[in-house]
Amino acid sequence: MAKALIGHLHTDRRIPARLAQENQRLRVRVAELESLVLRLQVENDRLVEERAVAALEQEMLPA
């Protein structure tokens, strides 16, 4: 039975190298996306603050 199971396993030695390469590519992409999320959060916070300031200025104007 063990021999039958071994026969179904991949014996291609390139697979671990290919998986490592794909893993590295995905890690780089995740890092890029995390950077993008942080940049967008900073921009969003800035825009929310600008909007709050504009709303306060609008309220302070005489009617």
Protein backbone atom coordinates (compact mmCIF):
# COMPACT_ATOMS: atom_id res chain seq x y z
CA MET A 1 0.00 0.00 0.00
CA ALA A 2 2.82 2.40 0.82
CA LYS A 3 4.30 1.90 -2.63
CA ALA A 4 0.95 2.71 -4.20
CA LEU A 5 0.72 5.95 -2.21
CA ILE A 6 4.26 6.97 -3.09
CA GLY A 7 3.46 6.46 -6.74
CA HIS A 8 0.77 9.14 -6.47
CA LEU A 9 3.10 11.72 -4.95
CA HIS A 10 4.73 14.23 -7.22
CA THR A 11 8.38 13.48 -7.74
CA ASP A 12 9.14 16.67 -9.65
CA ARG A 13 11.91 18.38 -7.68
CA ARG A 14 11.13 21.73 -9.31
CA ILE A 15 7.85 22.02 -7.44
CA PRO A 16 9.37 23.19 -4.11
CA ALA A 17 11.45 25.82 -5.95
CA ARG A 18 8.39 26.94 -7.90
CA LEU A 19 6.32 27.10 -4.73
CA ALA A 20 9.04 29.11 -2.98
CA GLN A 21 9.15 31.51 -5.92
CA GLU A 22 5.37 31.88 -5.93
CA ASN A 23 5.38 32.35 -2.15
CA GLN A 24 7.97 35.12 -2.47
CA ARG A 25 5.95 36.80 -5.23
CA LEU A 26 2.83 36.68 -3.07
CA ARG A 27 4.70 38.09 -0.06
CA VAL A 28 5.87 41.03 -2.18
CA ARG A 29 2.32 41.61 -3.43
CA VAL A 30 0.92 41.48 0.12
CA ALA A 31 3.53 44.03 1.21
CA GLU A 32 2.53 46.29 -1.71
CA LEU A 33 -1.15 46.00 -0.79
CA GLU A 34 -0.45 46.68 2.90
CA SER A 35 1.47 49.79 1.89
CA LEU A 36 -1.42 50.90 -0.30
CA VAL A 37 -3.91 50.37 2.54
CA LEU A 38 -1.80 52.48 4.90
CA ARG A 39 -1.46 55.24 2.30
CA LEU A 40 -5.21 55.26 1.67
CA GLN A 41 -5.96 55.32 5.40
CA VAL A 42 -3.71 58.36 5.83
CA GLU A 43 -5.34 60.09 2.87
CA ASN A 44 -8.81 59.22 4.17
CA ASP A 45 -7.99 60.58 7.63
CA ARG A 46 -6.73 63.80 6.03
CA LEU A 47 -9.90 64.18 3.97
CA VAL A 48 -12.14 63.50 6.98
CA GLU A 49 -10.25 66.15 8.94
CA GLU A 50 -10.55 68.66 6.10
CA ARG A 51 -14.27 68.00 5.88
CA ALA A 52 -14.71 68.43 9.63
CA VAL A 53 -12.81 71.73 9.53
CA ALA A 54 -14.92 72.94 6.60
CA ALA A 55 -18.11 71.98 8.45
CA LEU A 56 -16.98 73.88 11.55
CA GLU A 57 -16.10 76.91 9.45
CA GLN A 58 -19.51 76.75 7.80
CA GLU A 59 -21.23 76.68 11.20
CA MET A 60 -19.27 79.69 12.40
CA LEU A 61 -20.37 81.89 9.50
CA PRO A 62 -23.02 84.45 10.39
CA ALA A 63 -26.43 83.62 9.04
